[in-house]
N, C-alpha and C. Protein backbone atom coordinates (compact mmCIF):
# COMPACT_ATOMS: atom_id res chain seq x y z
N MET A 1 2.31 2.98 9.29
CA MET A 1 3.00 2.35 8.18
C MET A 1 2.13 1.31 7.48
N ASP A 2 1.26 0.65 8.24
CA ASP A 2 0.39 -0.32 7.59
C ASP A 2 -0.61 0.39 6.68
N SER A 3 -1.05 1.57 7.06
CA SER A 3 -1.94 2.34 6.19
C SER A 3 -1.20 2.77 4.93
N PHE A 4 0.06 3.15 5.07
CA PHE A 4 0.87 3.52 3.90
C PHE A 4 1.01 2.34 2.96
N ALA A 5 1.33 1.16 3.51
CA ALA A 5 1.50 -0.02 2.67
C ALA A 5 0.21 -0.38 1.94
N ALA A 6 -0.91 -0.30 2.64
CA ALA A 6 -2.19 -0.61 2.01
C ALA A 6 -2.53 0.42 0.93
N ALA A 7 -2.26 1.70 1.19
CA ALA A 7 -2.52 2.74 0.19
C ALA A 7 -1.60 2.59 -1.01
N LEU A 8 -0.37 2.21 -0.76
CA LEU A 8 0.58 1.98 -1.84
C LEU A 8 0.08 0.86 -2.75
N GLY A 9 -0.37 -0.22 -2.16
CA GLY A 9 -0.93 -1.33 -2.94
C GLY A 9 -2.17 -0.91 -3.70
N ARG A 10 -3.02 -0.13 -3.08
CA ARG A 10 -4.24 0.34 -3.75
C ARG A 10 -3.89 1.24 -4.94
N GLY A 11 -2.94 2.14 -4.73
CA GLY A 11 -2.53 3.02 -5.83
C GLY A 11 -1.93 2.24 -6.99
N ALA A 12 -1.22 1.17 -6.68
CA ALA A 12 -0.60 0.35 -7.72
C ALA A 12 -1.63 -0.46 -8.49
N CYS A 13 -2.74 -0.78 -7.85
CA CYS A 13 -3.72 -1.67 -8.46
C CYS A 13 -4.83 -0.96 -9.22
N LEU A 14 -5.03 0.29 -8.97
CA LEU A 14 -6.10 1.01 -9.64
C LEU A 14 -5.62 1.58 -10.95
N ARG A 15 -6.54 1.69 -11.88
CA ARG A 15 -6.21 2.24 -13.18
C ARG A 15 -6.04 3.76 -13.05
N ARG A 16 -4.80 4.22 -13.09
CA ARG A 16 -4.46 5.64 -13.10
C ARG A 16 -5.18 6.44 -12.01
N PRO A 17 -5.01 6.08 -10.72
CA PRO A 17 -5.67 6.86 -9.68
C PRO A 17 -5.11 8.28 -9.65
N GLY A 18 -5.99 9.24 -9.48
CA GLY A 18 -5.57 10.63 -9.43
C GLY A 18 -5.75 11.21 -8.04
N LEU A 19 -5.75 12.52 -7.97
CA LEU A 19 -5.89 13.20 -6.69
C LEU A 19 -7.20 12.87 -5.98
N PRO A 20 -8.35 12.80 -6.70
CA PRO A 20 -9.59 12.45 -5.98
C PRO A 20 -9.52 11.08 -5.31
N GLU A 21 -8.92 10.09 -5.97
CA GLU A 21 -8.78 8.77 -5.37
C GLU A 21 -7.82 8.82 -4.18
N ALA A 22 -6.74 9.56 -4.32
CA ALA A 22 -5.77 9.69 -3.22
C ALA A 22 -6.43 10.36 -2.01
N VAL A 23 -7.25 11.38 -2.27
CA VAL A 23 -7.96 12.05 -1.18
C VAL A 23 -8.95 11.08 -0.52
N LYS A 24 -9.68 10.33 -1.34
CA LYS A 24 -10.67 9.37 -0.80
C LYS A 24 -9.98 8.33 0.09
N VAL A 25 -8.86 7.79 -0.37
CA VAL A 25 -8.13 6.80 0.42
C VAL A 25 -7.56 7.46 1.68
N GLY A 26 -7.00 8.65 1.54
CA GLY A 26 -6.47 9.36 2.69
C GLY A 26 -7.52 9.64 3.74
N VAL A 27 -8.69 10.07 3.28
CA VAL A 27 -9.79 10.35 4.21
C VAL A 27 -10.25 9.07 4.90
N ALA A 28 -10.41 7.99 4.14
CA ALA A 28 -10.87 6.73 4.74
C ALA A 28 -9.89 6.25 5.82
N PHE A 29 -8.61 6.22 5.49
CA PHE A 29 -7.62 5.77 6.46
C PHE A 29 -7.49 6.76 7.61
N GLY A 30 -7.47 8.06 7.30
CA GLY A 30 -7.33 9.08 8.33
C GLY A 30 -8.48 9.07 9.32
N VAL A 31 -9.71 8.95 8.81
CA VAL A 31 -10.88 8.94 9.69
C VAL A 31 -10.86 7.70 10.59
N CYS A 32 -10.52 6.56 10.02
CA CYS A 32 -10.47 5.34 10.84
C CYS A 32 -9.38 5.44 11.90
N GLN A 33 -8.21 5.96 11.52
CA GLN A 33 -7.13 6.10 12.49
C GLN A 33 -7.45 7.18 13.53
N PHE A 34 -8.25 8.16 13.17
CA PHE A 34 -8.70 9.18 14.13
C PHE A 34 -9.73 8.58 15.09
N ALA A 35 -10.68 7.82 14.55
CA ALA A 35 -11.81 7.34 15.34
C ALA A 35 -11.46 6.19 16.28
N MET A 36 -10.60 5.29 15.85
CA MET A 36 -10.34 4.09 16.66
C MET A 36 -9.71 4.40 18.02
N PRO A 37 -8.73 5.29 18.12
CA PRO A 37 -8.23 5.59 19.47
C PRO A 37 -9.30 6.24 20.35
N LEU A 38 -10.14 7.08 19.75
CA LEU A 38 -11.23 7.68 20.52
C LEU A 38 -12.22 6.62 21.00
N PHE A 39 -12.51 5.68 20.11
CA PHE A 39 -13.40 4.59 20.48
C PHE A 39 -12.79 3.79 21.64
N GLY A 40 -11.53 3.40 21.49
CA GLY A 40 -10.86 2.64 22.54
C GLY A 40 -10.80 3.40 23.85
N TRP A 41 -10.51 4.68 23.75
CA TRP A 41 -10.44 5.52 24.94
C TRP A 41 -11.79 5.60 25.63
N SER A 42 -12.86 5.73 24.82
CA SER A 42 -14.21 5.83 25.40
C SER A 42 -14.65 4.54 26.07
N VAL A 43 -14.17 3.42 25.57
CA VAL A 43 -14.47 2.14 26.22
C VAL A 43 -13.85 2.13 27.61
N GLY A 44 -12.64 2.70 27.69
CA GLY A 44 -12.03 2.95 28.99
C GLY A 44 -11.41 1.76 29.67
N ILE A 45 -11.08 2.00 30.91
CA ILE A 45 -10.36 1.03 31.73
C ILE A 45 -11.16 -0.26 31.92
N ALA A 46 -12.45 -0.16 32.09
CA ALA A 46 -13.26 -1.34 32.38
C ALA A 46 -13.21 -2.38 31.27
N PHE A 47 -13.09 -1.93 30.02
CA PHE A 47 -13.11 -2.88 28.91
C PHE A 47 -11.77 -2.98 28.18
N ALA A 48 -10.72 -2.41 28.72
CA ALA A 48 -9.42 -2.43 28.06
C ALA A 48 -8.94 -3.86 27.79
N ASN A 49 -9.11 -4.73 28.75
CA ASN A 49 -8.65 -6.12 28.57
C ASN A 49 -9.44 -6.83 27.47
N LEU A 50 -10.73 -6.55 27.35
CA LEU A 50 -11.53 -7.18 26.31
C LEU A 50 -11.08 -6.74 24.93
N VAL A 51 -10.86 -5.44 24.74
CA VAL A 51 -10.42 -4.93 23.44
C VAL A 51 -9.04 -5.48 23.11
N GLU A 52 -8.13 -5.44 24.08
CA GLU A 52 -6.78 -5.95 23.85
C GLU A 52 -6.77 -7.44 23.57
N ALA A 53 -7.72 -8.15 24.12
CA ALA A 53 -7.74 -9.60 23.96
C ALA A 53 -8.11 -10.05 22.55
N VAL A 54 -8.82 -9.24 21.80
CA VAL A 54 -9.28 -9.69 20.48
C VAL A 54 -8.87 -8.79 19.31
N ASP A 55 -8.30 -7.63 19.57
CA ASP A 55 -8.01 -6.71 18.46
C ASP A 55 -7.07 -7.31 17.43
N HIS A 56 -6.07 -8.05 17.87
CA HIS A 56 -5.10 -8.63 16.96
C HIS A 56 -5.71 -9.71 16.08
N TRP A 57 -6.66 -10.47 16.62
CA TRP A 57 -7.32 -11.50 15.81
C TRP A 57 -8.23 -10.87 14.75
N ILE A 58 -8.92 -9.83 15.13
CA ILE A 58 -9.79 -9.14 14.16
C ILE A 58 -8.95 -8.51 13.06
N ALA A 59 -7.89 -7.80 13.44
CA ALA A 59 -7.02 -7.17 12.44
C ALA A 59 -6.41 -8.22 11.53
N PHE A 60 -5.94 -9.33 12.10
CA PHE A 60 -5.34 -10.40 11.28
C PHE A 60 -6.35 -10.97 10.29
N ALA A 61 -7.56 -11.26 10.75
CA ALA A 61 -8.57 -11.84 9.86
C ALA A 61 -8.93 -10.89 8.72
N LEU A 62 -9.11 -9.61 9.04
CA LEU A 62 -9.46 -8.65 7.99
C LEU A 62 -8.32 -8.45 7.00
N LEU A 63 -7.09 -8.33 7.49
CA LEU A 63 -5.95 -8.15 6.60
C LEU A 63 -5.69 -9.40 5.77
N LEU A 64 -5.91 -10.57 6.35
CA LEU A 64 -5.78 -11.82 5.60
C LEU A 64 -6.81 -11.88 4.47
N ALA A 65 -8.03 -11.49 4.76
CA ALA A 65 -9.08 -11.51 3.73
C ALA A 65 -8.78 -10.53 2.59
N VAL A 66 -8.41 -9.31 2.93
CA VAL A 66 -8.12 -8.31 1.91
C VAL A 66 -6.85 -8.69 1.14
N GLY A 67 -5.80 -9.08 1.86
CA GLY A 67 -4.56 -9.49 1.20
C GLY A 67 -4.75 -10.70 0.33
N GLY A 68 -5.53 -11.67 0.80
CA GLY A 68 -5.83 -12.86 -0.01
C GLY A 68 -6.57 -12.51 -1.29
N ALA A 69 -7.51 -11.58 -1.19
CA ALA A 69 -8.24 -11.14 -2.39
C ALA A 69 -7.29 -10.46 -3.37
N MET A 70 -6.36 -9.67 -2.88
CA MET A 70 -5.38 -9.01 -3.75
C MET A 70 -4.50 -10.05 -4.45
N ILE A 71 -4.07 -11.06 -3.72
CA ILE A 71 -3.24 -12.11 -4.31
C ILE A 71 -4.04 -12.88 -5.36
N ARG A 72 -5.29 -13.21 -5.04
CA ARG A 72 -6.16 -13.89 -6.01
C ARG A 72 -6.30 -13.06 -7.28
N ASN A 73 -6.51 -11.76 -7.13
CA ASN A 73 -6.64 -10.89 -8.29
C ASN A 73 -5.34 -10.81 -9.09
N ALA A 74 -4.21 -10.88 -8.41
CA ALA A 74 -2.92 -10.80 -9.10
C ALA A 74 -2.70 -12.00 -10.02
N PHE A 75 -3.24 -13.16 -9.63
CA PHE A 75 -3.05 -14.36 -10.43
C PHE A 75 -4.19 -14.63 -11.40
N GLY A 76 -5.29 -13.88 -11.28
CA GLY A 76 -6.44 -14.13 -12.15
C GLY A 76 -6.57 -13.10 -13.24
N GLY A 77 -7.40 -13.39 -14.22
CA GLY A 77 -7.75 -12.40 -15.25
C GLY A 77 -6.78 -12.34 -16.40
N ASP A 78 -6.96 -11.33 -17.23
CA ASP A 78 -6.22 -11.11 -18.46
C ASP A 78 -4.83 -10.58 -18.15
N ASP A 79 -3.81 -11.24 -18.68
CA ASP A 79 -2.43 -10.82 -18.45
C ASP A 79 -2.12 -9.46 -19.04
N GLU A 80 -2.91 -9.00 -19.99
CA GLU A 80 -2.62 -7.74 -20.64
C GLU A 80 -3.37 -6.58 -20.02
N ALA A 81 -4.14 -6.84 -19.00
CA ALA A 81 -4.88 -5.75 -18.36
C ALA A 81 -3.89 -4.81 -17.69
N GLU A 82 -4.16 -3.51 -17.75
CA GLU A 82 -3.26 -2.52 -17.17
C GLU A 82 -3.37 -2.47 -15.65
N ASP A 83 -4.56 -2.65 -15.13
CA ASP A 83 -4.71 -2.61 -13.69
C ASP A 83 -4.71 -4.02 -13.15
N CYS A 84 -4.52 -4.14 -11.84
CA CYS A 84 -4.40 -5.47 -11.26
C CYS A 84 -5.64 -5.87 -10.48
N GLY A 85 -6.69 -5.10 -10.56
CA GLY A 85 -7.94 -5.46 -9.92
C GLY A 85 -8.88 -6.09 -10.92
N PRO A 86 -10.07 -6.47 -10.49
CA PRO A 86 -11.04 -7.02 -11.41
C PRO A 86 -11.39 -5.99 -12.48
N PRO A 87 -11.71 -6.45 -13.70
CA PRO A 87 -11.98 -5.51 -14.78
C PRO A 87 -13.16 -4.59 -14.50
N VAL A 88 -14.21 -5.11 -13.88
CA VAL A 88 -15.37 -4.28 -13.57
C VAL A 88 -15.68 -4.47 -12.10
N ARG A 89 -15.70 -3.38 -11.35
CA ARG A 89 -15.98 -3.46 -9.93
C ARG A 89 -16.97 -2.34 -9.61
N SER A 90 -18.03 -2.68 -8.90
CA SER A 90 -19.03 -1.67 -8.56
C SER A 90 -18.46 -0.67 -7.57
N ALA A 91 -19.07 0.51 -7.55
CA ALA A 91 -18.64 1.54 -6.61
C ALA A 91 -18.82 1.06 -5.18
N ARG A 92 -19.86 0.30 -4.95
CA ARG A 92 -20.12 -0.22 -3.60
C ARG A 92 -19.03 -1.22 -3.19
N ALA A 93 -18.63 -2.10 -4.11
CA ALA A 93 -17.57 -3.06 -3.81
C ALA A 93 -16.25 -2.35 -3.57
N GLU A 94 -15.97 -1.31 -4.36
CA GLU A 94 -14.74 -0.52 -4.17
C GLU A 94 -14.74 0.12 -2.79
N TRP A 95 -15.86 0.73 -2.42
CA TRP A 95 -15.96 1.41 -1.13
C TRP A 95 -15.84 0.40 0.02
N LEU A 96 -16.48 -0.76 -0.11
CA LEU A 96 -16.40 -1.79 0.92
C LEU A 96 -14.97 -2.28 1.09
N ALA A 97 -14.26 -2.51 -0.01
CA ALA A 97 -12.87 -2.96 0.06
C ALA A 97 -12.00 -1.89 0.73
N LEU A 98 -12.22 -0.64 0.38
CA LEU A 98 -11.45 0.45 0.97
C LEU A 98 -11.71 0.55 2.47
N MET A 99 -12.96 0.53 2.88
CA MET A 99 -13.29 0.67 4.30
C MET A 99 -12.84 -0.55 5.10
N THR A 100 -12.93 -1.74 4.52
CA THR A 100 -12.46 -2.94 5.21
C THR A 100 -10.96 -2.82 5.49
N THR A 101 -10.22 -2.38 4.50
CA THR A 101 -8.78 -2.21 4.68
C THR A 101 -8.48 -1.11 5.69
N ALA A 102 -9.21 -0.01 5.62
CA ALA A 102 -8.99 1.11 6.55
C ALA A 102 -9.27 0.68 7.98
N VAL A 103 -10.35 -0.04 8.20
CA VAL A 103 -10.68 -0.52 9.55
C VAL A 103 -9.65 -1.54 10.01
N ALA A 104 -9.28 -2.46 9.11
CA ALA A 104 -8.33 -3.52 9.49
C ALA A 104 -6.99 -2.95 9.90
N THR A 105 -6.55 -1.91 9.20
CA THR A 105 -5.24 -1.35 9.53
C THR A 105 -5.28 -0.42 10.73
N SER A 106 -6.48 -0.12 11.24
CA SER A 106 -6.56 0.82 12.37
C SER A 106 -7.19 0.21 13.62
N ILE A 107 -7.60 -1.03 13.55
CA ILE A 107 -8.34 -1.60 14.69
C ILE A 107 -7.46 -1.73 15.94
N ASP A 108 -6.17 -1.95 15.76
CA ASP A 108 -5.32 -2.04 16.94
C ASP A 108 -5.18 -0.69 17.65
N ALA A 109 -5.53 0.39 16.95
CA ALA A 109 -5.51 1.72 17.58
C ALA A 109 -6.57 1.84 18.68
N ALA A 110 -7.61 1.01 18.62
CA ALA A 110 -8.61 1.02 19.69
C ALA A 110 -7.98 0.57 21.01
N ALA A 111 -7.12 -0.43 20.93
CA ALA A 111 -6.44 -0.90 22.14
C ALA A 111 -5.48 0.18 22.66
N VAL A 112 -4.84 0.90 21.73
CA VAL A 112 -3.97 2.00 22.13
C VAL A 112 -4.79 3.06 22.86
N GLY A 113 -5.96 3.38 22.32
CA GLY A 113 -6.84 4.35 22.96
C GLY A 113 -7.26 3.89 24.34
N ALA A 114 -7.56 2.60 24.48
CA ALA A 114 -7.93 2.08 25.79
C ALA A 114 -6.77 2.21 26.76
N GLY A 115 -5.56 1.97 26.27
CA GLY A 115 -4.37 2.14 27.11
C GLY A 115 -4.16 3.59 27.51
N LEU A 116 -4.47 4.50 26.59
CA LEU A 116 -4.31 5.92 26.89
C LEU A 116 -5.34 6.43 27.89
N ALA A 117 -6.39 5.64 28.11
CA ALA A 117 -7.37 6.02 29.13
C ALA A 117 -6.75 5.96 30.53
N LEU A 118 -5.64 5.26 30.65
CA LEU A 118 -4.98 5.13 31.94
C LEU A 118 -4.07 6.30 32.27
N VAL A 119 -3.80 7.17 31.29
CA VAL A 119 -2.90 8.30 31.52
C VAL A 119 -3.63 9.60 31.17
N ASP A 120 -3.06 10.68 31.63
CA ASP A 120 -3.64 11.99 31.38
C ASP A 120 -3.14 12.50 30.03
N VAL A 121 -3.98 12.39 28.99
CA VAL A 121 -3.61 12.82 27.65
C VAL A 121 -4.83 13.47 26.99
N ASP A 122 -4.58 14.47 26.17
CA ASP A 122 -5.65 15.12 25.42
C ASP A 122 -5.97 14.23 24.22
N MET A 123 -7.00 13.39 24.34
CA MET A 123 -7.31 12.41 23.30
C MET A 123 -7.78 13.03 22.00
N VAL A 124 -8.48 14.14 22.05
CA VAL A 124 -8.94 14.76 20.81
C VAL A 124 -7.74 15.23 19.99
N THR A 125 -6.82 15.93 20.63
CA THR A 125 -5.63 16.40 19.93
C THR A 125 -4.78 15.23 19.44
N THR A 126 -4.60 14.24 20.28
CA THR A 126 -3.83 13.06 19.90
C THR A 126 -4.45 12.36 18.71
N SER A 127 -5.75 12.14 18.75
CA SER A 127 -6.45 11.47 17.65
C SER A 127 -6.43 12.30 16.37
N LEU A 128 -6.58 13.63 16.51
CA LEU A 128 -6.49 14.49 15.33
C LEU A 128 -5.12 14.38 14.67
N LEU A 129 -4.08 14.36 15.47
CA LEU A 129 -2.73 14.23 14.93
C LEU A 129 -2.54 12.87 14.25
N ILE A 130 -3.00 11.82 14.89
CA ILE A 130 -2.90 10.49 14.29
C ILE A 130 -3.65 10.46 12.96
N GLY A 131 -4.85 11.00 12.92
CA GLY A 131 -5.65 11.02 11.70
C GLY A 131 -5.01 11.84 10.60
N ALA A 132 -4.44 13.00 10.95
CA ALA A 132 -3.81 13.87 9.95
C ALA A 132 -2.56 13.22 9.35
N VAL A 133 -1.75 12.62 10.19
CA VAL A 133 -0.55 11.94 9.69
C VAL A 133 -0.94 10.77 8.80
N THR A 134 -1.93 10.01 9.22
CA THR A 134 -2.38 8.87 8.43
C THR A 134 -2.95 9.33 7.09
N PHE A 135 -3.72 10.42 7.09
CA PHE A 135 -4.23 10.96 5.82
C PHE A 135 -3.07 11.25 4.88
N ALA A 136 -2.05 11.93 5.40
CA ALA A 136 -0.91 12.33 4.56
C ALA A 136 -0.17 11.12 3.99
N VAL A 137 0.11 10.11 4.82
CA VAL A 137 0.86 8.96 4.31
C VAL A 137 0.02 8.11 3.37
N ALA A 138 -1.28 8.00 3.61
CA ALA A 138 -2.14 7.24 2.71
C ALA A 138 -2.30 7.96 1.37
N PHE A 139 -2.48 9.27 1.42
CA PHE A 139 -2.57 10.09 0.20
C PHE A 139 -1.30 9.90 -0.64
N GLY A 140 -0.14 10.04 0.00
CA GLY A 140 1.12 9.85 -0.71
C GLY A 140 1.31 8.43 -1.19
N GLY A 141 0.85 7.46 -0.41
CA GLY A 141 0.98 6.06 -0.80
C GLY A 141 0.24 5.74 -2.09
N VAL A 142 -0.95 6.30 -2.24
CA VAL A 142 -1.72 6.08 -3.48
C VAL A 142 -0.95 6.64 -4.68
N LEU A 143 -0.43 7.84 -4.53
CA LEU A 143 0.28 8.48 -5.65
C LEU A 143 1.60 7.77 -5.96
N ILE A 144 2.32 7.34 -4.94
CA ILE A 144 3.54 6.57 -5.18
C ILE A 144 3.19 5.22 -5.82
N GLY A 145 2.13 4.59 -5.32
CA GLY A 145 1.68 3.32 -5.89
C GLY A 145 1.27 3.46 -7.34
N ARG A 146 0.71 4.59 -7.69
CA ARG A 146 0.33 4.84 -9.08
C ARG A 146 1.55 4.75 -9.98
N ALA A 147 2.62 5.40 -9.58
CA ALA A 147 3.85 5.38 -10.38
C ALA A 147 4.45 3.97 -10.42
N ALA A 148 4.45 3.30 -9.29
CA ALA A 148 5.01 1.95 -9.23
C ALA A 148 4.13 0.96 -9.98
N GLY A 149 2.82 1.16 -9.93
CA GLY A 149 1.90 0.22 -10.57
C GLY A 149 2.04 0.18 -12.07
N ASN A 150 2.37 1.29 -12.69
CA ASN A 150 2.55 1.32 -14.14
C ASN A 150 3.72 0.44 -14.56
N ARG A 151 4.70 0.29 -13.70
CA ARG A 151 5.87 -0.50 -14.02
C ARG A 151 5.73 -1.96 -13.55
N MET A 152 5.01 -2.15 -12.47
CA MET A 152 4.99 -3.47 -11.85
C MET A 152 3.73 -4.27 -12.11
N GLY A 153 2.63 -3.64 -12.50
CA GLY A 153 1.40 -4.36 -12.82
C GLY A 153 0.94 -5.30 -11.73
N ARG A 154 0.72 -6.55 -12.12
CA ARG A 154 0.20 -7.57 -11.19
C ARG A 154 1.16 -7.86 -10.04
N TRP A 155 2.46 -7.66 -10.27
CA TRP A 155 3.41 -7.90 -9.20
C TRP A 155 3.18 -6.95 -8.04
N ALA A 156 2.71 -5.73 -8.35
CA ALA A 156 2.43 -4.77 -7.28
C ALA A 156 1.26 -5.25 -6.43
N GLU A 157 0.23 -5.80 -7.06
CA GLU A 157 -0.89 -6.30 -6.27
C GLU A 157 -0.48 -7.51 -5.45
N LEU A 158 0.32 -8.38 -6.03
CA LEU A 158 0.82 -9.54 -5.29
C LEU A 158 1.62 -9.07 -4.08
N ALA A 159 2.53 -8.12 -4.30
CA ALA A 159 3.34 -7.58 -3.19
C ALA A 159 2.45 -6.90 -2.15
N GLY A 160 1.45 -6.14 -2.60
CA GLY A 160 0.53 -5.48 -1.67
C GLY A 160 -0.24 -6.49 -0.84
N GLY A 161 -0.74 -7.55 -1.48
CA GLY A 161 -1.47 -8.59 -0.76
C GLY A 161 -0.60 -9.30 0.26
N LEU A 162 0.62 -9.64 -0.16
CA LEU A 162 1.55 -10.29 0.76
C LEU A 162 1.92 -9.36 1.91
N THR A 163 2.06 -8.08 1.61
CA THR A 163 2.38 -7.10 2.66
C THR A 163 1.27 -7.00 3.68
N LEU A 164 0.01 -6.94 3.21
CA LEU A 164 -1.12 -6.88 4.14
C LEU A 164 -1.18 -8.12 5.02
N ILE A 165 -0.96 -9.29 4.43
CA ILE A 165 -0.96 -10.53 5.22
C ILE A 165 0.18 -10.51 6.22
N ALA A 166 1.36 -10.02 5.79
CA ALA A 166 2.50 -9.94 6.70
C ALA A 166 2.22 -8.98 7.85
N ILE A 167 1.57 -7.86 7.56
CA ILE A 167 1.22 -6.91 8.62
C ILE A 167 0.26 -7.58 9.61
N GLY A 168 -0.74 -8.28 9.08
CA GLY A 168 -1.67 -9.00 9.95
C GLY A 168 -0.97 -10.04 10.80
N ALA A 169 -0.05 -10.78 10.18
CA ALA A 169 0.70 -11.80 10.92
C ALA A 169 1.58 -11.17 11.99
N LYS A 170 2.19 -10.02 11.67
CA LYS A 170 3.03 -9.32 12.65
C LYS A 170 2.19 -8.84 13.84
N ILE A 171 1.01 -8.29 13.54
CA ILE A 171 0.12 -7.85 14.62
C ILE A 171 -0.24 -9.04 15.50
N LEU A 172 -0.61 -10.15 14.87
CA LEU A 172 -0.97 -11.35 15.61
C LEU A 172 0.22 -11.87 16.43
N PHE A 173 1.39 -11.94 15.82
CA PHE A 173 2.59 -12.41 16.51
C PHE A 173 2.94 -11.51 17.69
N ASP A 174 2.94 -10.19 17.45
CA ASP A 174 3.30 -9.25 18.53
C ASP A 174 2.36 -9.37 19.72
N HIS A 175 1.08 -9.64 19.47
CA HIS A 175 0.12 -9.70 20.56
C HIS A 175 0.03 -11.07 21.23
N THR A 176 0.46 -12.11 20.54
CA THR A 176 0.32 -13.44 21.13
C THR A 176 1.65 -13.97 21.69
N MET A 177 2.77 -13.41 21.26
CA MET A 177 4.07 -13.92 21.70
C MET A 177 4.71 -13.06 22.79
N ILE A 178 4.05 -12.00 23.17
CA ILE A 178 4.62 -11.13 24.21
C ILE A 178 4.00 -11.44 25.55
């Protein structure tokens, strides 16, 4: 769901994202959600406590940074701009923002993978399923965000930024208060 929320915000903030953008976002989120449980699983039982001890802080920091940037963009710039991102953004900056969000929303999956190392589970199949579902919801999120973004403009980016920060705070709260 955090990948869906991030994709929804991205779709709302980009100028008329189409199928190629939706595929790119879906692939980025899907690959990260596929890889992180495998990474966590490969770390295994010996390092499970280390991954679990810091995953929530890393996810919170990354989501706070991305969400904060979205909120900053929502309040800055020309009020008549159609999109809610910066007017000119390099392809490298776009890719970095996308991958940072994809990693941030999937980093807690590494701890899940480490936990799954304790049980008998087919990790390749499990990770493929996680990645495929994430691809689908992120792809749909961009397209739904596109429709919502035309109506909501900067408010969509503000909501997306606040949502990412809330997701980060929830991850942090769930891991530190339990």
